[in-house]
Amino acid sequence: MLVIFFFSSLFWFGSLSYLSSSWEGNIEQINFLAASLSQLG
């Protein structure tokens, strides 16, 4: 359980870092991240 949380945290940290560096025009990626989160949950 903690391993899943750890990897999901790394995934979100990397994703947020990438999105913050190129925010505009990334609505599709945000939707993809939301879909991935819903699948994890």
PDB file of N, CA and C in Angstrom:
ATOM      1  N   MET A   1       0.831  -1.199   0.000  1.00  0.00           N
ATOM      2  CA  MET A   1       0.000   0.000   0.000  1.00  0.00           C
ATOM      3  C   MET A   1       0.872   1.258   0.000  1.00  0.00           C
ATOM      4  N   LEU A   2       1.866   1.264   0.891  1.00  0.00           N
ATOM      5  CA  LEU A   2       2.766   2.420   0.932  1.00  0.00           C
ATOM      6  C   LEU A   2       3.562   2.543  -0.356  1.00  0.00           C
ATOM      7  N   VAL A   3       3.887   1.402  -0.962  1.00  0.00           N
ATOM      8  CA  VAL A   3       4.646   1.438  -2.222  1.00  0.00           C
ATOM      9  C   VAL A   3       3.816   2.114  -3.313  1.00  0.00           C
ATOM     10  N   ILE A   4       2.525   1.768  -3.363  1.00  0.00           N
ATOM     11  CA  ILE A   4       1.639   2.373  -4.362  1.00  0.00           C
ATOM     12  C   ILE A   4       1.554   3.883  -4.138  1.00  0.00           C
ATOM     13  N   PHE A   5       1.427   4.263  -2.873  1.00  0.00           N
ATOM     14  CA  PHE A   5       1.348   5.695  -2.556  1.00  0.00           C
ATOM     15  C   PHE A   5       2.646   6.403  -2.943  1.00  0.00           C
ATOM     16  N   PHE A   6       3.777   5.740  -2.691  1.00  0.00           N
ATOM     17  CA  PHE A   6       5.079   6.328  -3.010  1.00  0.00           C
ATOM     18  C   PHE A   6       5.228   6.567  -4.508  1.00  0.00           C
ATOM     19  N   PHE A   7       4.894   5.543  -5.312  1.00  0.00           N
ATOM     20  CA  PHE A   7       5.040   5.680  -6.757  1.00  0.00           C
ATOM     21  C   PHE A   7       4.038   6.671  -7.330  1.00  0.00           C
ATOM     22  N   SER A   8       2.836   6.685  -6.790  1.00  0.00           N
ATOM     23  CA  SER A   8       1.834   7.642  -7.274  1.00  0.00           C
ATOM     24  C   SER A   8       2.271   9.064  -6.937  1.00  0.00           C
ATOM     25  N   SER A   9       2.925   9.233  -5.780  1.00  0.00           N
ATOM     26  CA  SER A   9       3.433  10.547  -5.404  1.00  0.00           C
ATOM     27  C   SER A   9       4.524  10.987  -6.367  1.00  0.00           C
ATOM     28  N   LEU A  10       5.434  10.057  -6.701  1.00  0.00           N
ATOM     29  CA  LEU A  10       6.485  10.383  -7.669  1.00  0.00           C
ATOM     30  C   LEU A  10       5.881  10.741  -9.021  1.00  0.00           C
ATOM     31  N   PHE A  11       4.853   9.974  -9.428  1.00  0.00           N
ATOM     32  CA  PHE A  11       4.188  10.219 -10.698  1.00  0.00           C
ATOM     33  C   PHE A  11       3.575  11.612 -10.728  1.00  0.00           C
ATOM     34  N   TRP A  12       2.870  11.968  -9.654  1.00  0.00           N
ATOM     35  CA  TRP A  12       2.223  13.282  -9.616  1.00  0.00           C
ATOM     36  C   TRP A  12       3.249  14.400  -9.527  1.00  0.00           C
ATOM     37  N   PHE A  13       4.333  14.191  -8.769  1.00  0.00           N
ATOM     38  CA  PHE A  13       5.363  15.218  -8.649  1.00  0.00           C
ATOM     39  C   PHE A  13       6.002  15.504 -10.003  1.00  0.00           C
ATOM     40  N   GLY A  14       6.331  14.426 -10.738  1.00  0.00           N
ATOM     41  CA  GLY A  14       6.927  14.593 -12.063  1.00  0.00           C
ATOM     42  C   GLY A  14       5.955  15.240 -13.028  1.00  0.00           C
ATOM     43  N   SER A  15       4.691  14.842 -12.938  1.00  0.00           N
ATOM     44  CA  SER A  15       3.683  15.396 -13.838  1.00  0.00           C
ATOM     45  C   SER A  15       3.474  16.884 -13.560  1.00  0.00           C
ATOM     46  N   LEU A  16       3.384  17.245 -12.295  1.00  0.00           N
ATOM     47  CA  LEU A  16       3.179  18.648 -11.943  1.00  0.00           C
ATOM     48  C   LEU A  16       4.385  19.483 -12.347  1.00  0.00           C
ATOM     49  N   SER A  17       5.578  18.928 -12.180  1.00  0.00           N
ATOM     50  CA  SER A  17       6.783  19.651 -12.586  1.00  0.00           C
ATOM     51  C   SER A  17       6.776  19.897 -14.091  1.00  0.00           C
ATOM     52  N   TYR A  18       6.363  18.876 -14.848  1.00  0.00           N
ATOM     53  CA  TYR A  18       6.318  19.004 -16.303  1.00  0.00           C
ATOM     54  C   TYR A  18       5.245  19.995 -16.725  1.00  0.00           C
ATOM     55  N   LEU A  19       4.073  19.913 -16.084  1.00  0.00           N
ATOM     56  CA  LEU A  19       2.976  20.795 -16.453  1.00  0.00           C
ATOM     57  C   LEU A  19       3.297  22.244 -16.098  1.00  0.00           C
ATOM     58  N   SER A  20       3.953  22.459 -14.969  1.00  0.00           N
ATOM     59  CA  SER A  20       4.274  23.820 -14.549  1.00  0.00           C
ATOM     60  C   SER A  20       5.282  24.452 -15.502  1.00  0.00           C
ATOM     61  N   SER A  21       6.124  23.620 -16.117  1.00  0.00           N
ATOM     62  CA  SER A  21       7.121  24.153 -17.040  1.00  0.00           C
ATOM     63  C   SER A  21       6.494  24.485 -18.395  1.00  0.00           C
ATOM     64  N   SER A  22       5.380  23.840 -18.727  1.00  0.00           N
ATOM     65  CA  SER A  22       4.711  24.132 -19.998  1.00  0.00           C
ATOM     66  C   SER A  22       3.207  24.011 -19.794  1.00  0.00           C
ATOM     67  N   TRP A  23       2.642  24.999 -19.107  1.00  0.00           N
ATOM     68  CA  TRP A  23       1.261  24.900 -18.651  1.00  0.00           C
ATOM     69  C   TRP A  23       0.258  25.096 -19.788  1.00  0.00           C
ATOM     70  N   GLU A  24       0.460  26.105 -20.604  1.00  0.00           N
ATOM     71  CA  GLU A  24      -0.557  26.454 -21.597  1.00  0.00           C
ATOM     72  C   GLU A  24      -0.717  25.365 -22.647  1.00  0.00           C
ATOM     73  N   GLY A  25      -1.966  25.095 -23.009  1.00  0.00           N
ATOM     74  CA  GLY A  25      -2.257  24.114 -24.043  1.00  0.00           C
ATOM     75  C   GLY A  25      -2.136  22.687 -23.560  1.00  0.00           C
ATOM     76  N   ASN A  26      -2.207  22.471 -22.251  1.00  0.00           N
ATOM     77  CA  ASN A  26      -2.040  21.111 -21.732  1.00  0.00           C
ATOM     78  C   ASN A  26      -3.322  20.609 -21.073  1.00  0.00           C
ATOM     79  N   ILE A  27      -4.465  21.106 -21.538  1.00  0.00           N
ATOM     80  CA  ILE A  27      -5.737  20.668 -20.965  1.00  0.00           C
ATOM     81  C   ILE A  27      -5.927  19.173 -21.185  1.00  0.00           C
ATOM     82  N   GLU A  28      -5.505  18.677 -22.345  1.00  0.00           N
ATOM     83  CA  GLU A  28      -5.655  17.248 -22.624  1.00  0.00           C
ATOM     84  C   GLU A  28      -4.819  16.420 -21.655  1.00  0.00           C
ATOM     85  N   GLN A  29      -3.622  16.893 -21.324  1.00  0.00           N
ATOM     86  CA  GLN A  29      -2.781  16.157 -20.381  1.00  0.00           C
ATOM     87  C   GLN A  29      -3.395  16.179 -18.988  1.00  0.00           C
ATOM     88  N   ILE A  30      -4.006  17.308 -18.627  1.00  0.00           N
ATOM     89  CA  ILE A  30      -4.665  17.391 -17.318  1.00  0.00           C
ATOM     90  C   ILE A  30      -5.811  16.389 -17.259  1.00  0.00           C
ATOM     91  N   ASN A  31      -6.577  16.303 -18.334  1.00  0.00           N
ATOM     92  CA  ASN A  31      -7.670  15.330 -18.383  1.00  0.00           C
ATOM     93  C   ASN A  31      -7.132  13.911 -18.292  1.00  0.00           C
ATOM     94  N   PHE A  32      -5.990  13.663 -18.937  1.00  0.00           N
ATOM     95  CA  PHE A  32      -5.369  12.338 -18.889  1.00  0.00           C
ATOM     96  C   PHE A  32      -4.924  12.000 -17.470  1.00  0.00           C
ATOM     97  N   LEU A  33      -4.351  12.978 -16.785  1.00  0.00           N
ATOM     98  CA  LEU A  33      -3.931  12.748 -15.404  1.00  0.00           C
ATOM     99  C   LEU A  33      -5.132  12.473 -14.514  1.00  0.00           C
ATOM    100  N   ALA A  34      -6.217  13.190 -14.753  1.00  0.00           N
ATOM    101  CA  ALA A  34      -7.430  12.969 -13.958  1.00  0.00           C
ATOM    102  C   ALA A  34      -7.970  11.567 -14.205  1.00  0.00           C
ATOM    103  N   ALA A  35      -7.929  11.121 -15.454  1.00  0.00           N
ATOM    104  CA  ALA A  35      -8.400   9.771 -15.770  1.00  0.00           C
ATOM    105  C   ALA A  35      -7.493   8.729 -15.114  1.00  0.00           C
ATOM    106  N   SER A  36      -6.195   8.978 -15.113  1.00  0.00           N
ATOM    107  CA  SER A  36      -5.264   8.038 -14.485  1.00  0.00           C
ATOM    108  C   SER A  36      -5.518   7.972 -12.986  1.00  0.00           C
ATOM    109  N   LEU A  37      -5.779   9.123 -12.382  1.00  0.00           N
ATOM    110  CA  LEU A  37      -6.037   9.143 -10.944  1.00  0.00           C
ATOM    111  C   LEU A  37      -7.309   8.375 -10.619  1.00  0.00           C
ATOM    112  N   SER A  38      -8.331   8.546 -11.437  1.00  0.00           N
ATOM    113  CA  SER A  38      -9.588   7.843 -11.182  1.00  0.00           C
ATOM    114  C   SER A  38      -9.400   6.329 -11.329  1.00  0.00           C
ATOM    115  N   GLN A  39      -8.502   5.920 -12.228  1.00  0.00           N
ATOM    116  CA  GLN A  39      -8.246   4.483 -12.377  1.00  0.00           C
ATOM    117  C   GLN A  39      -7.460   3.950 -11.182  1.00  0.00           C
ATOM    118  N   LEU A  40      -6.548   4.776 -10.635  1.00  0.00           N
ATOM    119  CA  LEU A  40      -5.800   4.350  -9.452  1.00  0.00           C
ATOM    120  C   LEU A  40      -6.725   4.226  -8.257  1.00  0.00           C
ATOM    121  N   GLY A  41      -7.666   5.163  -8.160  1.00  0.00           N
ATOM    122  CA  GLY A  41      -8.609   5.134  -7.044  1.00  0.00           C
ATOM    123  C   GLY A  41      -9.613   4.044  -7.242  1.00  0.00           C
TER     124      GLY A  41
END
